[in-house]
PDB file of N, CA and C in Angstrom:
ATOM      1  N   VAL A   1      17.551   5.125  -9.123  1.00  0.00           N
ATOM      2  CA  VAL A   1      17.397   6.332  -8.327  1.00  0.00           C
ATOM      3  C   VAL A   1      18.558   6.397  -7.342  1.00  0.00           C
ATOM      4  N   SER A   2      19.206   7.530  -7.258  1.00  0.00           N
ATOM      5  CA  SER A   2      20.318   7.696  -6.328  1.00  0.00           C
ATOM      6  C   SER A   2      19.809   8.215  -4.995  1.00  0.00           C
ATOM      7  N   LEU A   3      20.231   7.590  -3.917  1.00  0.00           N
ATOM      8  CA  LEU A   3      19.863   8.022  -2.572  1.00  0.00           C
ATOM      9  C   LEU A   3      21.112   8.468  -1.820  1.00  0.00           C
ATOM     10  N   GLY A   4      21.890   9.312  -2.438  1.00  0.00           N
ATOM     11  CA  GLY A   4      23.117   9.767  -1.803  1.00  0.00           C
ATOM     12  C   GLY A   4      24.222   8.755  -1.984  1.00  0.00           C
ATOM     13  N   LEU A   5      24.443   7.913  -0.982  1.00  0.00           N
ATOM     14  CA  LEU A   5      25.502   6.914  -1.039  1.00  0.00           C
ATOM     15  C   LEU A   5      25.071   5.622  -1.714  1.00  0.00           C
ATOM     16  N   ALA A   6      23.767   5.439  -1.922  1.00  0.00           N
ATOM     17  CA  ALA A   6      23.273   4.166  -2.448  1.00  0.00           C
ATOM     18  C   ALA A   6      22.419   4.390  -3.688  1.00  0.00           C
ATOM     19  N   TRP A   7      22.426   3.389  -4.549  1.00  0.00           N
ATOM     20  CA  TRP A   7      21.528   3.375  -5.703  1.00  0.00           C
ATOM     21  C   TRP A   7      20.441   2.353  -5.438  1.00  0.00           C
ATOM     22  N   VAL A   8      19.204   2.704  -5.749  1.00  0.00           N
ATOM     23  CA  VAL A   8      18.079   1.805  -5.525  1.00  0.00           C
ATOM     24  C   VAL A   8      17.451   1.478  -6.867  1.00  0.00           C
ATOM     25  N   ASP A   9      17.268   0.194  -7.136  1.00  0.00           N
ATOM     26  CA  ASP A   9      16.627  -0.254  -8.366  1.00  0.00           C
ATOM     27  C   ASP A   9      15.126  -0.091  -8.211  1.00  0.00           C
ATOM     28  N   THR A  10      14.548   0.863  -8.929  1.00  0.00           N
ATOM     29  CA  THR A  10      13.106   1.086  -8.868  1.00  0.00           C
ATOM     30  C   THR A  10      12.421   0.645 -10.154  1.00  0.00           C
ATOM     31  N   SER A  11      13.119  -0.097 -11.006  1.00  0.00           N
ATOM     32  CA  SER A  11      12.550  -0.479 -12.291  1.00  0.00           C
ATOM     33  C   SER A  11      11.362  -1.424 -12.146  1.00  0.00           C
ATOM     34  N   PHE A  12      11.267  -2.115 -11.014  1.00  0.00           N
ATOM     35  CA  PHE A  12      10.173  -3.064 -10.811  1.00  0.00           C
ATOM     36  C   PHE A  12       8.888  -2.381 -10.379  1.00  0.00           C
ATOM     37  N   PHE A  13       8.943  -1.119 -10.036  1.00  0.00           N
ATOM     38  CA  PHE A  13       7.815  -0.448  -9.408  1.00  0.00           C
ATOM     39  C   PHE A  13       7.580   0.886 -10.099  1.00  0.00           C
ATOM     40  N   ASP A  14       6.389   1.107 -10.640  1.00  0.00           N
ATOM     41  CA  ASP A  14       6.096   2.358 -11.333  1.00  0.00           C
ATOM     42  C   ASP A  14       5.861   3.462 -10.314  1.00  0.00           C
ATOM     43  N   ILE A  15       6.818   4.363 -10.202  1.00  0.00           N
ATOM     44  CA  ILE A  15       6.684   5.473  -9.254  1.00  0.00           C
ATOM     45  C   ILE A  15       6.606   6.808  -9.992  1.00  0.00           C
ATOM     46  N   SER A  16       6.268   6.762 -11.276  1.00  0.00           N
ATOM     47  CA  SER A  16       6.249   7.974 -12.088  1.00  0.00           C
ATOM     48  C   SER A  16       5.196   8.972 -11.630  1.00  0.00           C
ATOM     49  N   ASP A  17       4.135   8.498 -10.970  1.00  0.00           N
ATOM     50  CA  ASP A  17       3.088   9.417 -10.539  1.00  0.00           C
ATOM     51  C   ASP A  17       3.311   9.964  -9.131  1.00  0.00           C
ATOM     52  N   LEU A  18       4.392   9.579  -8.466  1.00  0.00           N
ATOM     53  CA  LEU A  18       4.689  10.111  -7.142  1.00  0.00           C
ATOM     54  C   LEU A  18       5.325  11.488  -7.260  1.00  0.00           C
ATOM     55  N   THR A  19       4.914  12.377  -6.370  1.00  0.00           N
ATOM     56  CA  THR A  19       5.511  13.703  -6.324  1.00  0.00           C
ATOM     57  C   THR A  19       6.953  13.580  -5.853  1.00  0.00           C
ATOM     58  N   PRO A  20       7.889  14.244  -6.524  1.00  0.00           N
ATOM     59  CA  PRO A  20       9.285  14.172  -6.077  1.00  0.00           C
ATOM     60  C   PRO A  20       9.435  14.703  -4.646  1.00  0.00           C
ATOM     61  N   LEU A  21      10.357  14.139  -3.907  1.00  0.00           N
ATOM     62  CA  LEU A  21      10.595  14.577  -2.535  1.00  0.00           C
ATOM     63  C   LEU A  21      11.150  15.995  -2.537  1.00  0.00           C
ATOM     64  N   ASN A  22      10.691  16.818  -1.583  1.00  0.00           N
ATOM     65  CA  ASN A  22      11.210  18.176  -1.497  1.00  0.00           C
ATOM     66  C   ASN A  22      12.284  18.301  -0.420  1.00  0.00           C
ATOM     67  N   LYS A  23      12.695  17.179   0.137  1.00  0.00           N
ATOM     68  CA  LYS A  23      13.795  17.155   1.095  1.00  0.00           C
ATOM     69  C   LYS A  23      14.558  15.854   0.905  1.00  0.00           C
ATOM     70  N   PRO A  24      15.830  15.827   1.225  1.00  0.00           N
ATOM     71  CA  PRO A  24      16.635  14.624   0.977  1.00  0.00           C
ATOM     72  C   PRO A  24      16.329  13.498   1.964  1.00  0.00           C
ATOM     73  N   LEU A  25      16.483  12.271   1.480  1.00  0.00           N
ATOM     74  CA  LEU A  25      16.401  11.116   2.372  1.00  0.00           C
ATOM     75  C   LEU A  25      17.638  11.101   3.258  1.00  0.00           C
ATOM     76  N   GLN A  26      17.457  10.750   4.513  1.00  0.00           N
ATOM     77  CA  GLN A  26      18.575  10.648   5.449  1.00  0.00           C
ATOM     78  C   GLN A  26      18.593   9.233   6.011  1.00  0.00           C
ATOM     79  N   LEU A  27      18.949   8.277   5.145  1.00  0.00           N
ATOM     80  CA  LEU A  27      18.848   6.858   5.476  1.00  0.00           C
ATOM     81  C   LEU A  27      19.615   6.471   6.732  1.00  0.00           C
ATOM     82  N   MET A  28      20.717   7.142   7.015  1.00  0.00           N
ATOM     83  CA  MET A  28      21.506   6.796   8.205  1.00  0.00           C
ATOM     84  C   MET A  28      20.775   7.146   9.505  1.00  0.00           C
ATOM     85  N   ASN A  29      19.766   8.021   9.417  1.00  0.00           N
ATOM     86  CA  ASN A  29      18.992   8.407  10.599  1.00  0.00           C
ATOM     87  C   ASN A  29      17.721   7.576  10.752  1.00  0.00           C
ATOM     88  N   TYR A  30      17.438   6.700   9.798  1.00  0.00           N
ATOM     89  CA  TYR A  30      16.202   5.920   9.804  1.00  0.00           C
ATOM     90  C   TYR A  30      16.422   4.562  10.461  1.00  0.00           C
ATOM     91  N   LYS A  31      15.345   4.025  11.006  1.00  0.00           N
ATOM     92  CA  LYS A  31      15.372   2.647  11.499  1.00  0.00           C
ATOM     93  C   LYS A  31      15.626   1.726  10.303  1.00  0.00           C
ATOM     94  N   ASP A  32      16.162   0.547  10.572  1.00  0.00           N
ATOM     95  CA  ASP A  32      16.423  -0.377   9.465  1.00  0.00           C
ATOM     96  C   ASP A  32      15.107  -0.916   8.899  1.00  0.00           C
ATOM     97  N   SER A  33      15.154  -1.370   7.664  1.00  0.00           N
ATOM     98  CA  SER A  33      13.939  -1.785   6.966  1.00  0.00           C
ATOM     99  C   SER A  33      13.253  -2.975   7.620  1.00  0.00           C
ATOM    100  N   ASP A  34      13.996  -3.877   8.242  1.00  0.00           N
ATOM    101  CA  ASP A  34      13.369  -5.008   8.938  1.00  0.00           C
ATOM    102  C   ASP A  34      12.510  -4.518  10.096  1.00  0.00           C
ATOM    103  N   THR A  35      12.999  -3.533  10.830  1.00  0.00           N
ATOM    104  CA  THR A  35      12.243  -2.960  11.948  1.00  0.00           C
ATOM    105  C   THR A  35      10.986  -2.268  11.437  1.00  0.00           C
ATOM    106  N   LEU A  36      11.124  -1.478  10.376  1.00  0.00           N
ATOM    107  CA  LEU A  36       9.975  -0.763   9.824  1.00  0.00           C
ATOM    108  C   LEU A  36       8.946  -1.731   9.239  1.00  0.00           C
ATOM    109  N   ALA A  37       9.408  -2.786   8.580  1.00  0.00           N
ATOM    110  CA  ALA A  37       8.492  -3.791   8.034  1.00  0.00           C
ATOM    111  C   ALA A  37       7.747  -4.510   9.155  1.00  0.00           C
ATOM    112  N   ALA A  38       8.407  -4.765  10.274  1.00  0.00           N
ATOM    113  CA  ALA A  38       7.755  -5.419  11.416  1.00  0.00           C
ATOM    114  C   ALA A  38       6.664  -4.525  11.997  1.00  0.00           C
ATOM    115  N   VAL A  39       6.894  -3.215  12.028  1.00  0.00           N
ATOM    116  CA  VAL A  39       5.867  -2.276  12.497  1.00  0.00           C
ATOM    117  C   VAL A  39       4.661  -2.333  11.561  1.00  0.00           C
ATOM    118  N   ALA A  40       4.912  -2.387  10.261  1.00  0.00           N
ATOM    119  CA  ALA A  40       3.823  -2.488   9.286  1.00  0.00           C
ATOM    120  C   ALA A  40       3.034  -3.779   9.470  1.00  0.00           C
ATOM    121  N   GLU A  41       3.734  -4.879   9.678  1.00  0.00           N
ATOM    122  CA  GLU A  41       3.065  -6.166   9.896  1.00  0.00           C
ATOM    123  C   GLU A  41       2.177  -6.121  11.137  1.00  0.00           C
ATOM    124  N   ALA A  42       2.671  -5.494  12.210  1.00  0.00           N
ATOM    125  CA  ALA A  42       1.928  -5.429  13.472  1.00  0.00           C
ATOM    126  C   ALA A  42       0.746  -4.467  13.408  1.00  0.00           C
ATOM    127  N   ASN A  43       0.732  -3.586  12.428  1.00  0.00           N
ATOM    128  CA  ASN A  43      -0.319  -2.571  12.335  1.00  0.00           C
ATOM    129  C   ASN A  43      -1.173  -2.728  11.084  1.00  0.00           C
ATOM    130  N   GLY A  44      -1.504  -3.949  10.758  1.00  0.00           N
ATOM    131  CA  GLY A  44      -2.446  -4.217   9.679  1.00  0.00           C
ATOM    132  C   GLY A  44      -1.929  -5.098   8.567  1.00  0.00           C
ATOM    133  N   GLY A  45      -0.627  -5.150   8.365  1.00  0.00           N
ATOM    134  CA  GLY A  45      -0.077  -5.949   7.269  1.00  0.00           C
ATOM    135  C   GLY A  45      -0.341  -7.430   7.418  1.00  0.00           C
ATOM    136  N   SER A  46      -0.085  -7.960   8.601  1.00  0.00           N
ATOM    137  CA  SER A  46      -0.305  -9.385   8.847  1.00  0.00           C
ATOM    138  C   SER A  46      -1.782  -9.738   8.718  1.00  0.00           C
ATOM    139  N   ALA A  47      -2.644  -8.898   9.286  1.00  0.00           N
ATOM    140  CA  ALA A  47      -4.087  -9.143   9.195  1.00  0.00           C
ATOM    141  C   ALA A  47      -4.550  -9.090   7.739  1.00  0.00           C
ATOM    142  N   PHE A  48      -4.006  -8.159   6.965  1.00  0.00           N
ATOM    143  CA  PHE A  48      -4.359  -8.049   5.552  1.00  0.00           C
ATOM    144  C   PHE A  48      -4.011  -9.336   4.818  1.00  0.00           C
ATOM    145  N   ARG A  49      -2.806  -9.847   5.042  1.00  0.00           N
ATOM    146  CA  ARG A  49      -2.377 -11.073   4.357  1.00  0.00           C
ATOM    147  C   ARG A  49      -3.195 -12.280   4.787  1.00  0.00           C
ATOM    148  N   ASN A  50      -3.704 -12.287   6.021  1.00  0.00           N
ATOM    149  CA  ASN A  50      -4.555 -13.387   6.479  1.00  0.00           C
ATOM    150  C   ASN A  50      -5.973 -13.277   5.932  1.00  0.00           C
ATOM    151  N   LEU A  51      -6.433 -12.054   5.712  1.00  0.00           N
ATOM    152  CA  LEU A  51      -7.800 -11.830   5.260  1.00  0.00           C
ATOM    153  C   LEU A  51      -7.960 -11.996   3.746  1.00  0.00           C
ATOM    154  N   TYR A  52      -6.946 -11.590   2.999  1.00  0.00           N
ATOM    155  CA  TYR A  52      -7.018 -11.613   1.540  1.00  0.00           C
ATOM    156  C   TYR A  52      -5.910 -12.479   0.954  1.00  0.00           C
ATOM    157  N   GLN A  53      -6.114 -12.895  -0.288  1.00  0.00           N
ATOM    158  CA  GLN A  53      -5.058 -13.618  -0.992  1.00  0.00           C
ATOM    159  C   GLN A  53      -4.010 -12.585  -1.390  1.00  0.00           C
ATOM    160  N   TYR A  54      -2.867 -12.638  -0.726  1.00  0.00           N
ATOM    161  CA  TYR A  54      -1.802 -11.647  -0.923  1.00  0.00           C
ATOM    162  C   TYR A  54      -1.164 -11.825  -2.292  1.00  0.00           C
ATOM    163  N   THR A  55      -1.104 -10.754  -3.076  1.00  0.00           N
ATOM    164  CA  THR A  55      -0.525 -10.827  -4.416  1.00  0.00           C
ATOM    165  C   THR A  55       0.783 -10.057  -4.552  1.00  0.00           C
ATOM    166  N   GLY A  56       1.184  -9.362  -3.522  1.00  0.00           N
ATOM    167  CA  GLY A  56       2.455  -8.642  -3.573  1.00  0.00           C
ATOM    168  C   GLY A  56       2.365  -7.278  -2.936  1.00  0.00           C
ATOM    169  N   GLY A  57       3.444  -6.562  -3.024  1.00  0.00           N
ATOM    170  CA  GLY A  57       3.504  -5.231  -2.436  1.00  0.00           C
ATOM    171  C   GLY A  57       4.910  -4.696  -2.531  1.00  0.00           C
ATOM    172  N   GLY A  58       5.239  -3.796  -1.649  1.00  0.00           N
ATOM    173  CA  GLY A  58       6.573  -3.222  -1.666  1.00  0.00           C
ATOM    174  C   GLY A  58       6.733  -2.174  -0.590  1.00  0.00           C
ATOM    175  N   TYR A  59       7.888  -1.556  -0.585  1.00  0.00           N
ATOM    176  CA  TYR A  59       8.218  -0.525   0.397  1.00  0.00           C
ATOM    177  C   TYR A  59       8.800   0.673  -0.337  1.00  0.00           C
ATOM    178  N   LEU A  60       8.491   1.865   0.142  1.00  0.00           N
ATOM    179  CA  LEU A  60       9.090   3.061  -0.418  1.00  0.00           C
ATOM    180  C   LEU A  60       9.031   4.197   0.592  1.00  0.00           C
ATOM    181  N   TYR A  61       9.801   5.232   0.316  1.00  0.00           N
ATOM    182  CA  TYR A  61       9.768   6.456   1.111  1.00  0.00           C
ATOM    183  C   TYR A  61       9.048   7.518   0.288  1.00  0.00           C
ATOM    184  N   SER A  62       8.150   8.280   0.938  1.00  0.00           N
ATOM    185  CA  SER A  62       7.396   9.305   0.231  1.00  0.00           C
ATOM    186  C   SER A  62       6.910  10.348   1.219  1.00  0.00           C
ATOM    187  N   GLN A  63       6.348  11.422   0.681  1.00  0.00           N
ATOM    188  CA  GLN A  63       5.761  12.483   1.490  1.00  0.00           C
ATOM    189  C   GLN A  63       4.261  12.545   1.243  1.00  0.00           C
ATOM    190  N   SER A  64       3.644  11.452   0.918  1.00  0.00           N
ATOM    191  CA  SER A  64       2.275  11.474   0.428  1.00  0.00           C
ATOM    192  C   SER A  64       1.230  11.982   1.407  1.00  0.00           C
ATOM    193  N   ILE A  65       1.408  11.811   2.709  1.00  0.00           N
ATOM    194  CA  ILE A  65       0.374  12.296   3.626  1.00  0.00           C
ATOM    195  C   ILE A  65       0.752  13.608   4.291  1.00  0.00           C
ATOM    196  N   ASP A  66       1.991  14.007   4.219  1.00  0.00           N
ATOM    197  CA  ASP A  66       2.461  15.247   4.832  1.00  0.00           C
ATOM    198  C   ASP A  66       3.747  15.638   4.116  1.00  0.00           C
ATOM    199  N   THR A  67       3.704  16.714   3.362  1.00  0.00           N
ATOM    200  CA  THR A  67       4.867  17.078   2.555  1.00  0.00           C
ATOM    201  C   THR A  67       6.006  17.688   3.363  1.00  0.00           C
ATOM    202  N   THR A  68       5.820  17.845   4.677  1.00  0.00           N
ATOM    203  CA  THR A  68       6.921  18.355   5.501  1.00  0.00           C
ATOM    204  C   THR A  68       7.770  17.228   6.066  1.00  0.00           C
ATOM    205  N   LYS A  69       7.302  15.987   5.925  1.00  0.00           N
ATOM    206  CA  LYS A  69       8.019  14.835   6.471  1.00  0.00           C
ATOM    207  C   LYS A  69       8.140  13.739   5.422  1.00  0.00           C
ATOM    208  N   ILE A  70       9.080  12.857   5.628  1.00  0.00           N
ATOM    209  CA  ILE A  70       9.218  11.670   4.784  1.00  0.00           C
ATOM    210  C   ILE A  70       8.728  10.477   5.590  1.00  0.00           C
ATOM    211  N   TYR A  71       7.930   9.633   4.952  1.00  0.00           N
ATOM    212  CA  TYR A  71       7.381   8.450   5.604  1.00  0.00           C
ATOM    213  C   TYR A  71       7.836   7.184   4.889  1.00  0.00           C
ATOM    214  N   PHE A  72       7.921   6.120   5.650  1.00  0.00           N
ATOM    215  CA  PHE A  72       8.143   4.781   5.111  1.00  0.00           C
ATOM    216  C   PHE A  72       6.762   4.210   4.832  1.00  0.00           C
ATOM    217  N   HIS A  73       6.550   3.707   3.629  1.00  0.00           N
ATOM    218  CA  HIS A  73       5.268   3.118   3.234  1.00  0.00           C
ATOM    219  C   HIS A  73       5.459   1.623   3.033  1.00  0.00           C
ATOM    220  N   ALA A  74       4.610   0.848   3.648  1.00  0.00           N
ATOM    221  CA  ALA A  74       4.534  -0.587   3.373  1.00  0.00           C
ATOM    222  C   ALA A  74       3.247  -0.789   2.575  1.00  0.00           C
ATOM    223  N   ILE A  75       3.365  -1.350   1.392  1.00  0.00           N
ATOM    224  CA  ILE A  75       2.227  -1.486   0.485  1.00  0.00           C
ATOM    225  C   ILE A  75       1.864  -2.959   0.354  1.00  0.00           C
ATOM    226  N   TYR A  76       0.593  -3.258   0.578  1.00  0.00           N
ATOM    227  CA  TYR A  76       0.075  -4.623   0.482  1.00  0.00           C
ATOM    228  C   TYR A  76      -1.021  -4.649  -0.577  1.00  0.00           C
ATOM    229  N   ASN A  77      -0.972  -5.619  -1.483  1.00  0.00           N
ATOM    230  CA  ASN A  77      -1.999  -5.813  -2.500  1.00  0.00           C
ATOM    231  C   ASN A  77      -2.532  -7.235  -2.389  1.00  0.00           C
ATOM    232  N   GLY A  78      -3.827  -7.389  -2.642  1.00  0.00           N
ATOM    233  CA  GLY A  78      -4.419  -8.710  -2.554  1.00  0.00           C
ATOM    234  C   GLY A  78      -5.751  -8.785  -3.274  1.00  0.00           C
ATOM    235  N   ILE A  79      -6.339  -9.956  -3.198  1.00  0.00           N
ATOM    236  CA  ILE A  79      -7.639 -10.222  -3.812  1.00  0.00           C
ATOM    237  C   ILE A  79      -8.566 -10.769  -2.736  1.00  0.00           C
ATOM    238  N   ASP A  80      -9.769 -10.209  -2.666  1.00  0.00           N
ATOM    239  CA  ASP A  80     -10.802 -10.765  -1.798  1.00  0.00           C
ATOM    240  C   ASP A  80     -11.391 -11.955  -2.550  1.00  0.00           C
ATOM    241  N   VAL A  81     -11.110 -13.163  -2.099  1.00  0.00           N
ATOM    242  CA  VAL A  81     -11.522 -14.354  -2.853  1.00  0.00           C
ATOM    243  C   VAL A  81     -13.031 -14.552  -2.852  1.00  0.00           C
ATOM    244  N   THR A  82     -13.756 -13.924  -1.927  1.00  0.00           N
ATOM    245  CA  THR A  82     -15.211 -14.072  -1.921  1.00  0.00           C
ATOM    246  C   THR A  82     -15.879 -13.189  -2.964  1.00  0.00           C
ATOM    247  N   THR A  83     -15.244 -12.064  -3.316  1.00  0.00           N
ATOM    248  CA  THR A  83     -15.840 -11.151  -4.292  1.00  0.00           C
ATOM    249  C   THR A  83     -15.020 -11.019  -5.564  1.00  0.00           C
ATOM    250  N   GLY A  84     -13.754 -11.437  -5.519  1.00  0.00           N
ATOM    251  CA  GLY A  84     -12.872 -11.284  -6.663  1.00  0.00           C
ATOM    252  C   GLY A  84     -12.335  -9.871  -6.840  1.00  0.00           C
ATOM    253  N   ARG A  85     -12.570  -9.014  -5.871  1.00  0.00           N
ATOM    254  CA  ARG A  85     -12.125  -7.621  -5.974  1.00  0.00           C
ATOM    255  C   ARG A  85     -10.713  -7.436  -5.448  1.00  0.00           C
ATOM    256  N   GLU A  86     -10.009  -6.489  -6.068  1.00  0.00           N
ATOM    257  CA  GLU A  86      -8.670  -6.140  -5.607  1.00  0.00           C
ATOM    258  C   GLU A  86      -8.766  -5.350  -4.309  1.00  0.00           C
ATOM    259  N   LYS A  87      -7.831  -5.588  -3.436  1.00  0.00           N
ATOM    260  CA  LYS A  87      -7.747  -4.865  -2.166  1.00  0.00           C
ATOM    261  C   LYS A  87      -6.342  -4.317  -2.021  1.00  0.00           C
ATOM    262  N   ALA A  88      -6.210  -3.209  -1.333  1.00  0.00           N
ATOM    263  CA  ALA A  88      -4.892  -2.613  -1.112  1.00  0.00           C
ATOM    264  C   ALA A  88      -4.851  -1.972   0.265  1.00  0.00           C
ATOM    265  N   LEU A  89      -3.686  -2.001   0.860  1.00  0.00           N
ATOM    266  CA  LEU A  89      -3.450  -1.369   2.156  1.00  0.00           C
ATOM    267  C   LEU A  89      -2.083  -0.707   2.104  1.00  0.00           C
ATOM    268  N   ILE A  90      -2.012   0.527   2.568  1.00  0.00           N
ATOM    269  CA  ILE A  90      -0.731   1.218   2.710  1.00  0.00           C
ATOM    270  C   ILE A  90      -0.588   1.594   4.177  1.00  0.00           C
ATOM    271  N   VAL A  91       0.523   1.194   4.774  1.00  0.00           N
ATOM    272  CA  VAL A  91       0.813   1.500   6.173  1.00  0.00           C
ATOM    273  C   VAL A  91       1.907   2.564   6.192  1.00  0.00           C
ATOM    274  N   PHE A  92       1.654   3.664   6.916  1.00  0.00           N
ATOM    275  CA  PHE A  92       2.610   4.766   7.020  1.00  0.00           C
ATOM    276  C   PHE A  92       3.349   4.683   8.345  1.00  0.00           C
ATOM    277  N   ILE A  93       4.676   4.805   8.286  1.00  0.00           N
ATOM    278  CA  ILE A  93       5.517   4.703   9.480  1.00  0.00           C
ATOM    279  C   ILE A  93       6.538   5.835   9.456  1.00  0.00           C
ATOM    280  N   ASP A  94       6.776   6.435  10.612  1.00  0.00           N
ATOM    281  CA  ASP A  94       7.833   7.440  10.735  1.00  0.00           C
ATOM    282  C   ASP A  94       9.164   6.695  10.726  1.00  0.00           C
ATOM    283  N   PRO A  95      10.017   6.895   9.718  1.00  0.00           N
ATOM    284  CA  PRO A  95      11.244   6.105   9.626  1.00  0.00           C
ATOM    285  C   PRO A  95      12.297   6.460  10.675  1.00  0.00           C
ATOM    286  N   VAL A  96      12.201   7.641  11.277  1.00  0.00           N
ATOM    287  CA  VAL A  96      13.173   8.049  12.294  1.00  0.00           C
ATOM    288  C   VAL A  96      12.864   7.387  13.626  1.00  0.00           C
ATOM    289  N   THR A  97      11.590   7.429  14.032  1.00  0.00           N
ATOM    290  CA  THR A  97      11.197   6.871  15.334  1.00  0.00           C
ATOM    291  C   THR A  97      10.744   5.421  15.238  1.00  0.00           C
ATOM    292  N   GLY A  98      10.289   5.002  14.049  1.00  0.00           N
ATOM    293  CA  GLY A  98       9.718   3.672  13.891  1.00  0.00           C
ATOM    294  C   GLY A  98       8.279   3.601  14.361  1.00  0.00           C
ATOM    295  N   ASN A  99       7.671   4.759  14.647  1.00  0.00           N
ATOM    296  CA  ASN A  99       6.292   4.789  15.136  1.00  0.00           C
ATOM    297  C   ASN A  99       5.294   4.644  13.990  1.00  0.00           C
ATOM    298  N   PHE A 100       4.235   3.891  14.253  1.00  0.00           N
ATOM    299  CA  PHE A 100       3.121   3.746  13.327  1.00  0.00           C
ATOM    300  C   PHE A 100       2.412   5.092  13.218  1.00  0.00           C
ATOM    301  N   VAL A 101       2.098   5.533  11.986  1.00  0.00           N
ATOM    302  CA  VAL A 101       1.429   6.810  11.767  1.00  0.00           C
ATOM    303  C   VAL A 101      -0.025   6.605  11.365  1.00  0.00           C
ATOM    304  N   GLY A 102      -0.298   5.693  10.438  1.00  0.00           N
ATOM    305  CA  GLY A 102      -1.661   5.466   9.991  1.00  0.00           C
ATOM    306  C   GLY A 102      -1.700   4.531   8.800  1.00  0.00           C
ATOM    307  N   THR A 103      -2.922   4.296   8.305  1.00  0.00           N
ATOM    308  CA  THR A 103      -3.103   3.420   7.151  1.00  0.00           C
ATOM    309  C   THR A 103      -4.036   4.074   6.147  1.00  0.00           C
ATOM    310  N   PHE A 104      -3.969   3.574   4.944  1.00  0.00           N
ATOM    311  CA  PHE A 104      -4.856   3.995   3.873  1.00  0.00           C
ATOM    312  C   PHE A 104      -5.264   2.731   3.140  1.00  0.00           C
ATOM    313  N   THR A 105      -6.554   2.574   2.882  1.00  0.00           N
ATOM    314  CA  THR A 105      -7.025   1.416   2.130  1.00  0.00           C
ATOM    315  C   THR A 105      -7.676   1.882   0.838  1.00  0.00           C
ATOM    316  N   LYS A 106      -7.680   1.003  -0.128  1.00  0.00           N
ATOM    317  CA  LYS A 106      -8.295   1.307  -1.419  1.00  0.00           C
ATOM    318  C   LYS A 106      -9.800   1.443  -1.231  1.00  0.00           C
ATOM    319  N   VAL A 107     -10.347   2.535  -1.709  1.00  0.00           N
ATOM    320  CA  VAL A 107     -11.781   2.775  -1.618  1.00  0.00           C
ATOM    321  C   VAL A 107     -12.394   2.439  -2.966  1.00  0.00           C
ATOM    322  N   GLU A 108     -13.431   1.626  -2.932  1.00  0.00           N
ATOM    323  CA  GLU A 108     -14.072   1.206  -4.175  1.00  0.00           C
ATOM    324  C   GLU A 108     -15.541   1.571  -4.164  1.00  0.00           C
ATOM    325  N   LYS A 109     -16.055   1.852  -5.335  1.00  0.00           N
ATOM    326  CA  LYS A 109     -17.481   2.037  -5.513  1.00  0.00           C
ATOM    327  C   LYS A 109     -18.029   0.715  -6.033  1.00  0.00           C
ATOM    328  N   ASP A 110     -19.116   0.246  -5.449  1.00  0.00           N
ATOM    329  CA  ASP A 110     -19.715  -1.004  -5.906  1.00  0.00           C
ATOM    330  C   ASP A 110     -20.470  -0.741  -7.201  1.00  0.00           C
ATOM    331  N   GLU A 111     -19.861  -1.117  -8.301  1.00  0.00           N
ATOM    332  CA  GLU A 111     -20.452  -0.879  -9.616  1.00  0.00           C
ATOM    333  C   GLU A 111     -21.633  -1.802  -9.899  1.00  0.00           C
ATOM    334  N   THR A 112     -21.827  -2.820  -9.078  1.00  0.00           N
ATOM    335  CA  THR A 112     -22.921  -3.765  -9.321  1.00  0.00           C
ATOM    336  C   THR A 112     -24.149  -3.472  -8.467  1.00  0.00           C
ATOM    337  N   ALA A 113     -24.112  -2.419  -7.662  1.00  0.00           N
ATOM    338  CA  ALA A 113     -25.260  -2.093  -6.808  1.00  0.00           C
ATOM    339  C   ALA A 113     -26.488  -1.833  -7.678  1.00  0.00           C
ATOM    340  N   GLY A 114     -27.600  -2.448  -7.306  1.00  0.00           N
ATOM    341  CA  GLY A 114     -28.843  -2.261  -8.037  1.00  0.00           C
ATOM    342  C   GLY A 114     -29.067  -3.237  -9.174  1.00  0.00           C
ATOM    343  N   ILE A 115     -28.078  -4.014  -9.506  1.00  0.00           N
ATOM    344  CA  ILE A 115     -28.242  -5.013 -10.560  1.00  0.00           C
ATOM    345  C   ILE A 115     -28.772  -6.286  -9.913  1.00  0.00           C
ATOM    346  N   PRO A 116     -29.860  -6.827 -10.430  1.00  0.00           N
ATOM    347  CA  PRO A 116     -30.408  -8.049  -9.829  1.00  0.00           C
ATOM    348  C   PRO A 116     -29.383  -9.181  -9.832  1.00  0.00           C
ATOM    349  N   ALA A 117     -29.355  -9.913  -8.744  1.00  0.00           N
ATOM    350  CA  ALA A 117     -28.408 -11.023  -8.630  1.00  0.00           C
ATOM    351  C   ALA A 117     -28.862 -12.242  -9.419  1.00  0.00           C
ATOM    352  N   HIS A 118     -30.162 -12.385  -9.596  1.00  0.00           N
ATOM    353  CA  HIS A 118     -30.687 -13.553 -10.303  1.00  0.00           C
ATOM    354  C   HIS A 118     -31.646 -13.086 -11.391  1.00  0.00           C
ATOM    355  N   ASP A 119     -31.468 -13.609 -12.560  1.00  0.00           N
ATOM    356  CA  ASP A 119     -32.363 -13.316 -13.675  1.00  0.00           C
ATOM    357  C   ASP A 119     -33.203 -14.553 -13.951  1.00  0.00           C
ATOM    358  N   SER A 120     -34.390 -14.322 -14.440  1.00  0.00           N
ATOM    359  CA  SER A 120     -35.200 -15.454 -14.886  1.00  0.00           C
ATOM    360  C   SER A 120     -35.699 -15.145 -16.290  1.00  0.00           C
ATOM    361  N   LEU A 121     -35.672 -16.145 -17.117  1.00  0.00           N
ATOM    362  CA  LEU A 121     -36.126 -15.986 -18.491  1.00  0.00           C
ATOM    363  C   LEU A 121     -37.498 -16.617 -18.643  1.00  0.00           C
ATOM    364  N   GLN A 122     -38.354 -15.931 -19.363  1.00  0.00           N
ATOM    365  CA  GLN A 122     -39.691 -16.433 -19.637  1.00  0.00           C
ATOM    366  C   GLN A 122     -39.778 -16.750 -21.129  1.00  0.00           C
ATOM    367  N   ILE A 123     -40.319 -17.901 -21.424  1.00  0.00           N
ATOM    368  CA  ILE A 123     -40.492 -18.282 -22.823  1.00  0.00           C
ATOM    369  C   ILE A 123     -41.846 -17.781 -23.288  1.00  0.00           C
ATOM    370  N   SER A 124     -41.843 -17.078 -24.393  1.00  0.00           N
ATOM    371  CA  SER A 124     -43.123 -16.626 -24.950  1.00  0.00           C
ATOM    372  C   SER A 124     -43.216 -17.124 -26.391  1.00  0.00           C
ATOM    373  N   PHE A 125     -44.371 -17.617 -26.740  1.00  0.00           N
ATOM    374  CA  PHE A 125     -44.586 -18.149 -28.091  1.00  0.00           C
ATOM    375  C   PHE A 125     -45.480 -17.261 -28.879  1.00  0.00           C
TER     376      PHE A 125
END
C-alpha cells in the first residue's frame, strides 16, 4: 500500500474488509508511532496483556468510528485462559494530537448458556 512517500507492507494483515479511506493520510502531521503506541498501552493495552494471554495484534490507520477523521488503531488479541475464549481490544487514538479517543472490545454471545455443566449417566437394565 502506498502512503504517499512511503510504502507499507500490509501482506501480514488482512485489511480487505476495511472501507477505503476517503481522505489522504498525512503522516508528517501525525505523532510518531512509539508515542501513539504508548498512549494505547496506557489506555487499556497494558491491562489487556496482563489480563489475557496475548497472542498478537497490530497498528493501522482507519476511519472506522468516524468517517470524517482518520484514527490510529492499536489492536490487541488474546485468549482468556480461564475460559479458552478469544478476546480482542481496539484502542482508538487521534494521530494528530495523540489523544486517547476510545476503545472497542469483542462482544461475544455465550453459546453454552443453559447447557448443564455436569451430566450424570444412569445405568438401566
